[in-house]
Amino acid sequence: MLLLLGACASGPQLLPQTKQLPERVELADVPFFQLSDAQGGPSALAALLNHHGVISSPGLVDERMQQLAKGQSPQAALAAAARSYELLVYPLPGNLDALMQQVSAGHPVLLMQDRLFAGPGSQFAVLVGYDQRERTLVLRSGNSRRWYTSFASFDNAWSEAGRWAVLIQPTSQLPAQADKDVWLNAARDLQQQGRGEAAQRALRSARQVWPNAAL
């Protein structure tokens, strides 16, 4: 019983393949913006846009969110705004292994987590690093450029917010261990939002890995 309680307190247990990833990774070049609103969605997306070479700001992202997805959930509005810049929104599985795999491959992860002790509600953040030995993560979160949290605390906060996490990817850059169906569905989302050329670029990228891929 004590062993089980200790395992729960230390947070999620990583898969063997995750333990084979580099012990420590931090994507230090990911930009950071101070919060522009309570949830931090425009700030988080602006950081990722600039990371991919798209010059923007939280204010401009917020305007685009209001234009494209008024009345939708914050996650849907943020995804619509990302697609409007011709970037692909790739959903990730709801486990820490999947997030660490992407960060290890150089892909920052956009996610939503509960504020827990910082007040009611959820907040967007960008996962940019981890340390397997210390069992800690590094996020661009709130007004902190480097916010450290334990695996256990993060998993609780992420679970409370619904375990939502995505990559914001250029259409030419597949994620680590990409799933064909997830990528093609994300390309269809681009197409449905009127970004046909971007969707076709995503399809061409898919065909380099899966020759028979089709939208």
N, C-alpha and C. Protein backbone atom coordinates (compact mmCIF):
# COMPACT_ATOMS: atom_id res chain seq x y z
N MET A 1 0.83 -1.20 0.00
CA MET A 1 0.00 0.00 0.00
C MET A 1 0.87 1.25 0.00
N LEU A 2 1.92 1.26 0.82
CA LEU A 2 2.81 2.42 0.86
C LEU A 2 3.49 2.64 -0.48
N LEU A 3 3.85 1.55 -1.14
CA LEU A 3 4.47 1.68 -2.46
C LEU A 3 3.50 2.30 -3.46
N LEU A 4 2.24 1.88 -3.40
CA LEU A 4 1.24 2.43 -4.31
C LEU A 4 1.02 3.91 -4.05
N LEU A 5 0.94 4.29 -2.78
CA LEU A 5 0.76 5.71 -2.44
C LEU A 5 1.95 6.53 -2.91
N GLY A 6 3.15 5.97 -2.78
CA GLY A 6 4.34 6.69 -3.23
C GLY A 6 4.33 6.90 -4.72
N ALA A 7 3.87 5.88 -5.48
CA ALA A 7 3.81 6.00 -6.94
C ALA A 7 2.82 7.07 -7.35
N CYS A 8 1.65 7.13 -6.66
CA CYS A 8 0.65 8.15 -6.99
C CYS A 8 1.17 9.54 -6.70
N ALA A 9 1.89 9.67 -5.57
CA ALA A 9 2.38 10.98 -5.19
C ALA A 9 3.42 11.50 -6.17
N SER A 10 4.17 10.57 -6.81
CA SER A 10 5.22 11.00 -7.72
C SER A 10 4.71 11.28 -9.12
N GLY A 11 3.43 11.02 -9.35
CA GLY A 11 2.85 11.35 -10.64
C GLY A 11 2.85 10.17 -11.59
N PRO A 12 2.54 10.42 -12.87
CA PRO A 12 2.42 9.34 -13.85
C PRO A 12 3.74 8.61 -14.06
N GLN A 13 3.63 7.30 -14.23
CA GLN A 13 4.81 6.48 -14.50
C GLN A 13 5.04 6.43 -16.01
N LEU A 14 6.23 6.75 -16.45
CA LEU A 14 6.53 6.85 -17.87
C LEU A 14 6.71 5.48 -18.50
N LEU A 15 6.38 5.41 -19.79
CA LEU A 15 6.58 4.19 -20.55
C LEU A 15 8.07 3.94 -20.77
N PRO A 16 8.46 2.69 -20.99
CA PRO A 16 9.88 2.39 -21.22
C PRO A 16 10.48 3.20 -22.37
N GLN A 17 9.71 3.38 -23.46
CA GLN A 17 10.25 4.13 -24.59
C GLN A 17 10.44 5.61 -24.27
N THR A 18 9.63 6.13 -23.36
CA THR A 18 9.81 7.52 -22.94
C THR A 18 11.09 7.67 -22.12
N LYS A 19 11.37 6.68 -21.31
CA LYS A 19 12.58 6.72 -20.49
C LYS A 19 13.85 6.66 -21.34
N GLN A 20 13.71 6.23 -22.60
CA GLN A 20 14.86 6.19 -23.50
C GLN A 20 15.12 7.54 -24.18
N LEU A 21 14.20 8.49 -24.02
CA LEU A 21 14.42 9.83 -24.56
C LEU A 21 15.56 10.51 -23.80
N PRO A 22 16.13 11.58 -24.34
CA PRO A 22 17.15 12.31 -23.59
C PRO A 22 16.66 12.65 -22.18
N GLU A 23 17.56 12.59 -21.22
CA GLU A 23 17.16 12.79 -19.82
C GLU A 23 16.61 14.18 -19.57
N ARG A 24 17.19 15.18 -20.24
CA ARG A 24 16.77 16.56 -20.01
C ARG A 24 16.71 17.30 -21.34
N VAL A 25 15.61 18.01 -21.58
CA VAL A 25 15.44 18.80 -22.80
C VAL A 25 14.80 20.13 -22.43
N GLU A 26 15.26 21.22 -23.03
CA GLU A 26 14.58 22.50 -22.90
C GLU A 26 14.69 23.26 -24.21
N LEU A 27 13.56 23.67 -24.76
CA LEU A 27 13.51 24.43 -26.01
C LEU A 27 13.60 25.91 -25.67
N ALA A 28 14.81 26.35 -25.42
CA ALA A 28 15.03 27.69 -24.88
C ALA A 28 14.70 28.80 -25.87
N ASP A 29 14.65 28.47 -27.17
CA ASP A 29 14.42 29.51 -28.18
C ASP A 29 12.95 29.83 -28.40
N VAL A 30 12.04 29.13 -27.71
CA VAL A 30 10.62 29.43 -27.86
C VAL A 30 10.33 30.79 -27.23
N PRO A 31 9.74 31.73 -27.97
CA PRO A 31 9.49 33.07 -27.42
C PRO A 31 8.51 33.04 -26.25
N PHE A 32 8.38 34.20 -25.61
CA PHE A 32 7.47 34.33 -24.47
C PHE A 32 6.83 35.70 -24.50
N PHE A 33 5.52 35.72 -24.22
CA PHE A 33 4.79 36.98 -24.09
C PHE A 33 4.07 37.00 -22.74
N GLN A 34 4.05 38.16 -22.10
CA GLN A 34 3.26 38.33 -20.89
C GLN A 34 1.79 38.10 -21.21
N LEU A 35 1.02 37.75 -20.19
CA LEU A 35 -0.41 37.50 -20.37
C LEU A 35 -1.12 38.71 -20.94
N SER A 36 -1.96 38.46 -21.93
CA SER A 36 -2.79 39.53 -22.49
C SER A 36 -4.23 39.42 -22.00
N ASP A 37 -4.59 38.25 -21.43
CA ASP A 37 -5.91 38.07 -20.82
C ASP A 37 -5.78 37.01 -19.75
N ALA A 38 -6.88 36.69 -19.07
CA ALA A 38 -6.83 35.79 -17.93
C ALA A 38 -6.38 34.39 -18.31
N GLN A 39 -6.78 33.91 -19.49
CA GLN A 39 -6.45 32.54 -19.88
C GLN A 39 -5.14 32.41 -20.65
N GLY A 40 -4.65 33.48 -21.21
CA GLY A 40 -3.35 33.45 -21.86
C GLY A 40 -3.30 32.80 -23.22
N GLY A 41 -4.46 32.56 -23.85
CA GLY A 41 -4.45 31.92 -25.16
C GLY A 41 -3.74 32.73 -26.23
N PRO A 42 -4.08 34.01 -26.41
CA PRO A 42 -3.39 34.81 -27.43
C PRO A 42 -1.88 34.90 -27.19
N SER A 43 -1.47 34.99 -25.93
CA SER A 43 -0.03 35.06 -25.63
C SER A 43 0.67 33.77 -25.99
N ALA A 44 0.04 32.64 -25.66
CA ALA A 44 0.66 31.34 -25.96
C ALA A 44 0.75 31.12 -27.47
N LEU A 45 -0.33 31.44 -28.19
CA LEU A 45 -0.30 31.21 -29.64
C LEU A 45 0.66 32.18 -30.32
N ALA A 46 0.71 33.42 -29.86
CA ALA A 46 1.66 34.38 -30.44
C ALA A 46 3.10 33.88 -30.28
N ALA A 47 3.40 33.27 -29.14
CA ALA A 47 4.75 32.72 -28.92
C ALA A 47 5.06 31.63 -29.94
N LEU A 48 4.08 30.76 -30.20
CA LEU A 48 4.31 29.67 -31.15
C LEU A 48 4.37 30.18 -32.58
N LEU A 49 3.55 31.17 -32.91
CA LEU A 49 3.62 31.75 -34.25
C LEU A 49 5.00 32.32 -34.52
N ASN A 50 5.51 33.10 -33.58
CA ASN A 50 6.84 33.69 -33.76
C ASN A 50 7.92 32.61 -33.78
N HIS A 51 7.72 31.54 -33.02
CA HIS A 51 8.66 30.42 -33.05
C HIS A 51 8.76 29.82 -34.44
N HIS A 52 7.65 29.85 -35.18
CA HIS A 52 7.63 29.30 -36.54
C HIS A 52 7.84 30.38 -37.60
N GLY A 53 8.31 31.53 -37.19
CA GLY A 53 8.65 32.58 -38.15
C GLY A 53 7.51 33.45 -38.60
N VAL A 54 6.35 33.37 -37.93
CA VAL A 54 5.21 34.22 -38.26
C VAL A 54 5.17 35.37 -37.26
N ILE A 55 5.46 36.56 -37.71
CA ILE A 55 5.52 37.69 -36.80
C ILE A 55 4.10 38.10 -36.40
N SER A 56 3.84 38.05 -35.11
CA SER A 56 2.53 38.43 -34.60
C SER A 56 2.68 38.87 -33.15
N SER A 57 1.55 39.17 -32.52
CA SER A 57 1.53 39.62 -31.13
C SER A 57 0.25 39.11 -30.48
N PRO A 58 0.20 39.07 -29.16
CA PRO A 58 -1.04 38.63 -28.50
C PRO A 58 -2.26 39.46 -28.92
N GLY A 59 -2.08 40.75 -29.09
CA GLY A 59 -3.20 41.58 -29.49
C GLY A 59 -3.74 41.22 -30.86
N LEU A 60 -2.86 40.98 -31.81
CA LEU A 60 -3.29 40.60 -33.16
C LEU A 60 -3.95 39.22 -33.15
N VAL A 61 -3.40 38.31 -32.36
CA VAL A 61 -4.01 36.98 -32.27
C VAL A 61 -5.40 37.07 -31.66
N ASP A 62 -5.55 37.88 -30.65
CA ASP A 62 -6.85 38.03 -30.00
C ASP A 62 -7.88 38.59 -30.99
N GLU A 63 -7.49 39.56 -31.78
CA GLU A 63 -8.41 40.11 -32.79
C GLU A 63 -8.85 39.02 -33.77
N ARG A 64 -7.90 38.20 -34.19
CA ARG A 64 -8.24 37.16 -35.15
C ARG A 64 -9.14 36.11 -34.52
N MET A 65 -8.91 35.79 -33.26
CA MET A 65 -9.78 34.83 -32.57
C MET A 65 -11.21 35.35 -32.51
N GLN A 66 -11.34 36.63 -32.23
CA GLN A 66 -12.68 37.23 -32.14
C GLN A 66 -13.38 37.21 -33.50
N GLN A 67 -12.62 37.44 -34.55
CA GLN A 67 -13.21 37.46 -35.90
C GLN A 67 -13.63 36.07 -36.36
N LEU A 68 -12.82 35.06 -36.05
CA LEU A 68 -13.02 33.73 -36.63
C LEU A 68 -13.91 32.82 -35.80
N ALA A 69 -13.89 32.95 -34.50
CA ALA A 69 -14.52 31.92 -33.67
C ALA A 69 -15.28 32.51 -32.49
N LYS A 70 -15.96 33.61 -32.71
CA LYS A 70 -16.73 34.22 -31.64
C LYS A 70 -17.81 33.26 -31.17
N GLY A 71 -17.89 33.06 -29.86
CA GLY A 71 -18.87 32.15 -29.30
C GLY A 71 -18.41 30.72 -29.17
N GLN A 72 -17.27 30.37 -29.72
CA GLN A 72 -16.74 29.01 -29.59
C GLN A 72 -15.91 28.89 -28.32
N SER A 73 -15.53 27.66 -27.99
CA SER A 73 -14.68 27.45 -26.82
C SER A 73 -13.32 28.11 -27.05
N PRO A 74 -12.60 28.44 -25.97
CA PRO A 74 -11.27 29.03 -26.13
C PRO A 74 -10.34 28.15 -26.96
N GLN A 75 -10.43 26.83 -26.77
CA GLN A 75 -9.57 25.93 -27.53
C GLN A 75 -9.90 25.99 -29.02
N ALA A 76 -11.19 25.99 -29.36
CA ALA A 76 -11.60 26.04 -30.76
C ALA A 76 -11.21 27.37 -31.39
N ALA A 77 -11.35 28.45 -30.64
CA ALA A 77 -10.98 29.77 -31.16
C ALA A 77 -9.49 29.85 -31.42
N LEU A 78 -8.71 29.28 -30.52
CA LEU A 78 -7.26 29.31 -30.68
C LEU A 78 -6.84 28.47 -31.89
N ALA A 79 -7.47 27.30 -32.05
CA ALA A 79 -7.16 26.45 -33.20
C ALA A 79 -7.53 27.13 -34.51
N ALA A 80 -8.68 27.79 -34.55
CA ALA A 80 -9.09 28.50 -35.77
C ALA A 80 -8.11 29.62 -36.10
N ALA A 81 -7.66 30.32 -35.09
CA ALA A 81 -6.69 31.39 -35.32
C ALA A 81 -5.38 30.83 -35.86
N ALA A 82 -4.93 29.71 -35.31
CA ALA A 82 -3.68 29.10 -35.80
C ALA A 82 -3.81 28.70 -37.26
N ARG A 83 -4.95 28.11 -37.64
CA ARG A 83 -5.15 27.70 -39.03
C ARG A 83 -5.21 28.90 -39.97
N SER A 84 -5.67 30.02 -39.48
CA SER A 84 -5.75 31.21 -40.32
C SER A 84 -4.36 31.68 -40.74
N TYR A 85 -3.35 31.29 -40.01
CA TYR A 85 -1.95 31.58 -40.37
C TYR A 85 -1.35 30.44 -41.20
N GLU A 86 -2.21 29.51 -41.64
CA GLU A 86 -1.81 28.36 -42.46
C GLU A 86 -0.90 27.39 -41.73
N LEU A 87 -1.10 27.31 -40.42
CA LEU A 87 -0.42 26.30 -39.61
C LEU A 87 -1.41 25.19 -39.27
N LEU A 88 -0.89 24.00 -39.10
CA LEU A 88 -1.72 22.83 -38.86
C LEU A 88 -1.83 22.58 -37.35
N VAL A 89 -3.04 22.27 -36.90
CA VAL A 89 -3.29 22.01 -35.47
C VAL A 89 -3.41 20.50 -35.29
N TYR A 90 -2.43 19.91 -34.63
CA TYR A 90 -2.31 18.46 -34.51
C TYR A 90 -2.60 18.05 -33.06
N PRO A 91 -3.76 17.40 -32.79
CA PRO A 91 -4.09 16.98 -31.42
C PRO A 91 -3.16 15.87 -30.93
N LEU A 92 -2.88 15.90 -29.63
CA LEU A 92 -2.03 14.89 -29.01
C LEU A 92 -2.82 14.03 -28.03
N PRO A 93 -2.38 12.79 -27.82
CA PRO A 93 -3.03 11.94 -26.82
C PRO A 93 -2.91 12.55 -25.42
N GLY A 94 -3.82 12.17 -24.54
CA GLY A 94 -3.86 12.76 -23.21
C GLY A 94 -2.96 12.07 -22.21
N ASN A 95 -1.68 11.92 -22.54
CA ASN A 95 -0.74 11.34 -21.59
C ASN A 95 0.59 12.07 -21.69
N LEU A 96 1.31 12.09 -20.57
CA LEU A 96 2.56 12.83 -20.49
C LEU A 96 3.61 12.28 -21.44
N ASP A 97 3.60 10.97 -21.68
CA ASP A 97 4.57 10.37 -22.60
C ASP A 97 4.50 11.04 -23.97
N ALA A 98 3.27 11.25 -24.48
CA ALA A 98 3.10 11.85 -25.80
C ALA A 98 3.66 13.27 -25.83
N LEU A 99 3.46 14.03 -24.77
CA LEU A 99 3.96 15.41 -24.73
C LEU A 99 5.49 15.43 -24.70
N MET A 100 6.07 14.59 -23.87
CA MET A 100 7.52 14.57 -23.75
C MET A 100 8.18 14.10 -25.06
N GLN A 101 7.53 13.19 -25.75
CA GLN A 101 8.06 12.72 -27.04
C GLN A 101 8.19 13.88 -28.02
N GLN A 102 7.17 14.74 -28.06
CA GLN A 102 7.21 15.86 -28.99
C GLN A 102 8.25 16.90 -28.58
N VAL A 103 8.30 17.21 -27.30
CA VAL A 103 9.30 18.18 -26.83
C VAL A 103 10.70 17.68 -27.11
N SER A 104 10.92 16.39 -26.90
CA SER A 104 12.23 15.81 -27.19
C SER A 104 12.62 15.97 -28.66
N ALA A 105 11.59 15.97 -29.54
CA ALA A 105 11.84 16.12 -30.98
C ALA A 105 11.91 17.59 -31.41
N GLY A 106 11.79 18.51 -30.46
CA GLY A 106 11.92 19.93 -30.78
C GLY A 106 10.61 20.65 -31.00
N HIS A 107 9.49 20.02 -30.62
CA HIS A 107 8.18 20.62 -30.86
C HIS A 107 7.55 21.08 -29.55
N PRO A 108 7.44 22.40 -29.31
CA PRO A 108 6.73 22.86 -28.12
C PRO A 108 5.26 22.49 -28.19
N VAL A 109 4.66 22.24 -27.05
CA VAL A 109 3.28 21.76 -26.98
C VAL A 109 2.38 22.83 -26.36
N LEU A 110 1.31 23.17 -27.07
CA LEU A 110 0.30 24.08 -26.54
C LEU A 110 -0.73 23.25 -25.77
N LEU A 111 -1.01 23.65 -24.54
CA LEU A 111 -1.94 22.87 -23.72
C LEU A 111 -2.74 23.79 -22.81
N MET A 112 -3.72 23.20 -22.16
CA MET A 112 -4.51 23.92 -21.18
C MET A 112 -4.43 23.18 -19.86
N GLN A 113 -4.24 23.93 -18.78
CA GLN A 113 -4.16 23.32 -17.46
C GLN A 113 -4.97 24.15 -16.46
N ASP A 114 -5.42 23.48 -15.41
CA ASP A 114 -6.17 24.16 -14.36
C ASP A 114 -5.19 25.02 -13.55
N ARG A 115 -5.69 26.16 -13.07
CA ARG A 115 -4.84 27.03 -12.27
C ARG A 115 -4.59 26.47 -10.88
N LEU A 116 -5.40 25.51 -10.46
CA LEU A 116 -5.29 24.90 -9.13
C LEU A 116 -5.30 25.97 -8.04
N PHE A 117 -4.15 26.24 -7.42
CA PHE A 117 -4.12 27.15 -6.28
C PHE A 117 -4.01 28.62 -6.69
N ALA A 118 -3.93 28.90 -7.98
CA ALA A 118 -3.77 30.28 -8.43
C ALA A 118 -5.11 30.94 -8.72
N GLY A 119 -6.23 30.27 -8.44
CA GLY A 119 -7.54 30.84 -8.71
C GLY A 119 -8.35 29.92 -9.59
N PRO A 120 -9.65 30.16 -9.69
CA PRO A 120 -10.52 29.27 -10.46
C PRO A 120 -10.29 29.39 -11.96
N GLY A 121 -10.61 28.31 -12.67
CA GLY A 121 -10.52 28.34 -14.13
C GLY A 121 -9.26 27.71 -14.67
N SER A 122 -9.18 27.67 -16.00
CA SER A 122 -8.04 27.06 -16.69
C SER A 122 -7.24 28.11 -17.44
N GLN A 123 -6.03 27.75 -17.81
CA GLN A 123 -5.12 28.68 -18.46
C GLN A 123 -4.28 27.94 -19.49
N PHE A 124 -4.03 28.59 -20.61
CA PHE A 124 -3.16 28.02 -21.63
C PHE A 124 -1.70 28.15 -21.20
N ALA A 125 -0.89 27.21 -21.67
CA ALA A 125 0.55 27.24 -21.41
C ALA A 125 1.25 26.52 -22.55
N VAL A 126 2.56 26.70 -22.63
CA VAL A 126 3.37 26.04 -23.65
C VAL A 126 4.44 25.22 -22.94
N LEU A 127 4.41 23.92 -23.17
CA LEU A 127 5.41 23.03 -22.60
C LEU A 127 6.68 23.10 -23.45
N VAL A 128 7.80 23.44 -22.81
CA VAL A 128 9.04 23.61 -23.56
C VAL A 128 10.19 22.75 -23.02
N GLY A 129 9.96 22.00 -21.95
CA GLY A 129 11.08 21.22 -21.45
C GLY A 129 10.68 20.23 -20.38
N TYR A 130 11.61 19.33 -20.08
CA TYR A 130 11.40 18.35 -19.02
C TYR A 130 12.74 17.90 -18.48
N ASP A 131 12.70 17.31 -17.29
CA ASP A 131 13.88 16.70 -16.66
C ASP A 131 13.42 15.38 -16.06
N GLN A 132 13.83 14.28 -16.66
CA GLN A 132 13.36 12.97 -16.18
C GLN A 132 13.93 12.63 -14.81
N ARG A 133 15.16 13.02 -14.55
CA ARG A 133 15.76 12.69 -13.25
C ARG A 133 15.01 13.41 -12.13
N GLU A 134 14.75 14.70 -12.33
CA GLU A 134 14.07 15.49 -11.30
C GLU A 134 12.55 15.34 -11.37
N ARG A 135 12.05 14.72 -12.44
CA ARG A 135 10.61 14.57 -12.67
C ARG A 135 9.90 15.92 -12.64
N THR A 136 10.45 16.83 -13.42
CA THR A 136 9.88 18.17 -13.52
C THR A 136 9.69 18.56 -14.99
N LEU A 137 8.81 19.52 -15.21
CA LEU A 137 8.55 20.08 -16.52
C LEU A 137 8.81 21.57 -16.49
N VAL A 138 9.08 22.15 -17.68
CA VAL A 138 9.27 23.59 -17.82
C VAL A 138 8.22 24.11 -18.80
N LEU A 139 7.48 25.12 -18.39
CA LEU A 139 6.43 25.69 -19.24
C LEU A 139 6.57 27.20 -19.33
N ARG A 140 6.12 27.75 -20.47
CA ARG A 140 5.80 29.17 -20.56
C ARG A 140 4.38 29.26 -20.02
N SER A 141 4.22 29.78 -18.83
CA SER A 141 2.91 29.73 -18.18
C SER A 141 2.64 31.03 -17.43
N GLY A 142 1.44 31.59 -17.63
CA GLY A 142 1.11 32.84 -16.96
C GLY A 142 2.10 33.92 -17.33
N ASN A 143 2.65 34.58 -16.32
CA ASN A 143 3.67 35.59 -16.57
C ASN A 143 5.08 35.08 -16.27
N SER A 144 5.23 33.76 -16.29
CA SER A 144 6.54 33.14 -16.04
C SER A 144 7.10 32.55 -17.32
N ARG A 145 8.28 33.01 -17.68
CA ARG A 145 8.92 32.47 -18.88
C ARG A 145 9.37 31.03 -18.65
N ARG A 146 9.79 30.71 -17.43
CA ARG A 146 10.25 29.36 -17.11
C ARG A 146 9.57 28.94 -15.81
N TRP A 147 8.42 28.32 -15.94
CA TRP A 147 7.65 27.88 -14.78
C TRP A 147 7.87 26.40 -14.60
N TYR A 148 8.41 26.03 -13.43
CA TYR A 148 8.74 24.63 -13.15
C TYR A 148 7.60 23.99 -12.37
N THR A 149 7.29 22.75 -12.72
CA THR A 149 6.27 21.99 -12.00
C THR A 149 6.64 20.52 -12.02
N SER A 150 6.22 19.80 -10.99
CA SER A 150 6.50 18.37 -10.94
C SER A 150 5.57 17.62 -11.89
N PHE A 151 5.98 16.41 -12.26
CA PHE A 151 5.11 15.57 -13.09
C PHE A 151 3.73 15.43 -12.44
N ALA A 152 3.71 15.18 -11.11
CA ALA A 152 2.45 14.94 -10.42
C ALA A 152 1.55 16.17 -10.44
N SER A 153 2.12 17.34 -10.12
CA SER A 153 1.31 18.57 -10.09
C SER A 153 0.79 18.91 -11.48
N PHE A 154 1.65 18.75 -12.47
CA PHE A 154 1.21 19.04 -13.83
C PHE A 154 0.10 18.10 -14.25
N ASP A 155 0.26 16.81 -13.98
CA ASP A 155 -0.74 15.84 -14.42
C ASP A 155 -2.10 16.14 -13.79
N ASN A 156 -2.10 16.55 -12.53
CA ASN A 156 -3.35 16.92 -11.87
C ASN A 156 -3.98 18.14 -12.53
N ALA A 157 -3.16 19.16 -12.77
CA ALA A 157 -3.69 20.40 -13.36
C ALA A 157 -4.16 20.18 -14.79
N TRP A 158 -3.43 19.38 -15.53
CA TRP A 158 -3.80 19.09 -16.93
C TRP A 158 -5.07 18.25 -16.98
N SER A 159 -5.18 17.27 -16.07
CA SER A 159 -6.38 16.44 -16.01
C SER A 159 -7.61 17.27 -15.69
N GLU A 160 -7.47 18.20 -14.76
CA GLU A 160 -8.61 19.05 -14.38
C GLU A 160 -9.11 19.88 -15.56
N ALA A 161 -8.22 20.20 -16.48
CA ALA A 161 -8.59 21.02 -17.64
C ALA A 161 -8.97 20.17 -18.85
N GLY A 162 -9.06 18.85 -18.70
CA GLY A 162 -9.52 18.00 -19.79
C GLY A 162 -8.44 17.36 -20.64
N ARG A 163 -7.17 17.50 -20.26
CA ARG A 163 -6.04 16.89 -20.98
C ARG A 163 -6.00 17.30 -22.46
N TRP A 164 -6.30 18.56 -22.73
CA TRP A 164 -6.24 19.08 -24.09
C TRP A 164 -4.81 19.53 -24.38
N ALA A 165 -4.25 19.04 -25.50
CA ALA A 165 -2.90 19.43 -25.92
C ALA A 165 -2.78 19.28 -27.42
N VAL A 166 -2.12 20.22 -28.07
CA VAL A 166 -1.95 20.19 -29.52
C VAL A 166 -0.56 20.68 -29.89
N LEU A 167 -0.15 20.33 -31.09
CA LEU A 167 1.01 20.96 -31.72
C LEU A 167 0.50 21.96 -32.74
N ILE A 168 1.18 23.07 -32.86
CA ILE A 168 0.93 24.04 -33.92
C ILE A 168 2.11 23.90 -34.88
N GLN A 169 1.85 23.24 -36.02
CA GLN A 169 2.94 22.82 -36.90
C GLN A 169 2.89 23.47 -38.27
N PRO A 170 4.04 23.81 -38.84
CA PRO A 170 4.08 24.12 -40.27
C PRO A 170 3.63 22.89 -41.06
N THR A 171 2.98 23.10 -42.19
CA THR A 171 2.46 21.97 -42.96
C THR A 171 3.57 21.10 -43.54
N SER A 172 4.79 21.58 -43.53
CA SER A 172 5.92 20.81 -44.06
C SER A 172 6.62 19.98 -42.99
N GLN A 173 6.16 20.07 -41.74
CA GLN A 173 6.89 19.46 -40.63
C GLN A 173 5.99 18.51 -39.84
N LEU A 174 6.14 17.22 -40.07
CA LEU A 174 5.35 16.24 -39.32
C LEU A 174 5.87 16.11 -37.89
N PRO A 175 4.97 15.80 -36.95
CA PRO A 175 5.40 15.56 -35.57
C PRO A 175 6.23 14.29 -35.45
N ALA A 176 6.82 14.09 -34.29
CA ALA A 176 7.49 12.83 -34.00
C ALA A 176 6.46 11.72 -33.97
N GLN A 177 6.80 10.59 -34.57
CA GLN A 177 5.90 9.42 -34.58
C GLN A 177 4.49 9.83 -35.02
N ALA A 178 4.41 10.54 -36.11
CA ALA A 178 3.13 11.08 -36.57
C ALA A 178 2.14 9.98 -36.89
N ASP A 179 0.88 10.24 -36.57
CA ASP A 179 -0.22 9.35 -36.89
C ASP A 179 -0.87 9.85 -38.18
N LYS A 180 -0.95 8.97 -39.18
CA LYS A 180 -1.45 9.40 -40.49
C LYS A 180 -2.86 9.97 -40.40
N ASP A 181 -3.76 9.28 -39.73
CA ASP A 181 -5.15 9.73 -39.68
C ASP A 181 -5.28 11.07 -38.96
N VAL A 182 -4.53 11.24 -37.89
CA VAL A 182 -4.60 12.51 -37.15
C VAL A 182 -4.08 13.65 -38.03
N TRP A 183 -2.98 13.41 -38.73
CA TRP A 183 -2.41 14.45 -39.61
C TRP A 183 -3.39 14.80 -40.73
N LEU A 184 -3.96 13.78 -41.37
CA LEU A 184 -4.87 14.05 -42.48
C LEU A 184 -6.16 14.73 -42.01
N ASN A 185 -6.65 14.36 -40.83
CA ASN A 185 -7.82 15.05 -40.29
C ASN A 185 -7.50 16.51 -40.01
N ALA A 186 -6.29 16.77 -39.52
CA ALA A 186 -5.88 18.15 -39.28
C ALA A 186 -5.75 18.92 -40.59
N ALA A 187 -5.30 18.23 -41.64
CA ALA A 187 -5.24 18.86 -42.97
C ALA A 187 -6.64 19.17 -43.48
N ARG A 188 -7.58 18.28 -43.24
CA ARG A 188 -8.98 18.54 -43.65
C ARG A 188 -9.54 19.76 -42.91
N ASP A 189 -9.17 19.91 -41.65
CA ASP A 189 -9.62 21.08 -40.91
C ASP A 189 -9.11 22.37 -41.57
N LEU A 190 -7.89 22.34 -42.06
CA LEU A 190 -7.37 23.48 -42.81
C LEU A 190 -8.21 23.73 -44.06
N GLN A 191 -8.49 22.66 -44.77
CA GLN A 191 -9.27 22.78 -46.00
C GLN A 191 -10.66 23.34 -45.73
N GLN A 192 -11.30 22.86 -44.68
CA GLN A 192 -12.65 23.31 -44.35
C GLN A 192 -12.68 24.76 -43.89
N GLN A 193 -11.54 25.25 -43.43
CA GLN A 193 -11.47 26.64 -43.00
C GLN A 193 -11.06 27.56 -44.16
N GLY A 194 -11.01 27.00 -45.36
CA GLY A 194 -10.69 27.80 -46.53
C GLY A 194 -9.21 27.94 -46.82
N ARG A 195 -8.41 27.12 -46.19
CA ARG A 195 -6.95 27.16 -46.40
C ARG A 195 -6.54 25.97 -47.26
N GLY A 196 -7.08 25.93 -48.50
CA GLY A 196 -6.87 24.79 -49.38
C GLY A 196 -5.42 24.57 -49.76
N GLU A 197 -4.68 25.65 -50.04
CA GLU A 197 -3.28 25.48 -50.42
C GLU A 197 -2.47 24.90 -49.28
N ALA A 198 -2.74 25.37 -48.06
CA ALA A 198 -2.03 24.83 -46.89
C ALA A 198 -2.39 23.36 -46.69
N ALA A 199 -3.65 23.01 -46.91
CA ALA A 199 -4.07 21.61 -46.78
C ALA A 199 -3.35 20.74 -47.79
N GLN A 200 -3.18 21.23 -49.01
CA GLN A 200 -2.48 20.45 -50.03
C GLN A 200 -1.00 20.31 -49.68
N ARG A 201 -0.41 21.33 -49.09
CA ARG A 201 0.98 21.20 -48.65
C ARG A 201 1.11 20.14 -47.56
N ALA A 202 0.14 20.12 -46.66
CA ALA A 202 0.15 19.10 -45.60
C ALA A 202 0.00 17.70 -46.21
N LEU A 203 -0.82 17.59 -47.25
CA LEU A 203 -1.00 16.30 -47.92
C LEU A 203 0.30 15.86 -48.60
N ARG A 204 0.97 16.79 -49.24
CA ARG A 204 2.25 16.44 -49.88
C ARG A 204 3.27 15.97 -48.85
N SER A 205 3.28 16.61 -47.68
CA SER A 205 4.18 16.17 -46.62
C SER A 205 3.83 14.76 -46.17
N ALA A 206 2.52 14.48 -46.08
CA ALA A 206 2.08 13.15 -45.66
C ALA A 206 2.51 12.09 -46.68
N ARG A 207 2.42 12.41 -47.94
CA ARG A 207 2.74 11.43 -48.98
C ARG A 207 4.22 11.07 -48.99
N GLN A 208 5.05 11.91 -48.44
CA GLN A 208 6.47 11.54 -48.33
C GLN A 208 6.67 10.40 -47.36
N VAL A 209 5.75 10.27 -46.40
CA VAL A 209 5.84 9.20 -45.40
C VAL A 209 4.87 8.07 -45.72
N TRP A 210 3.68 8.46 -46.16
CA TRP A 210 2.62 7.49 -46.51
C TRP A 210 2.21 7.74 -47.95
N PRO A 211 2.82 7.07 -48.91
CA PRO A 211 2.61 7.39 -50.34
C PRO A 211 1.17 7.35 -50.80
N ASN A 212 0.32 6.59 -50.13
CA ASN A 212 -1.07 6.48 -50.56
C ASN A 212 -2.02 7.41 -49.83
N ALA A 213 -1.47 8.36 -49.08
CA ALA A 213 -2.31 9.26 -48.31
C ALA A 213 -3.17 10.11 -49.24
N ALA A 214 -4.41 10.35 -48.82
CA ALA A 214 -5.32 11.16 -49.63
C ALA A 214 -6.29 11.89 -48.72
N LEU A 215 -6.58 13.14 -49.05
CA LEU A 215 -7.58 13.90 -48.29
C LEU A 215 -8.98 13.45 -48.70
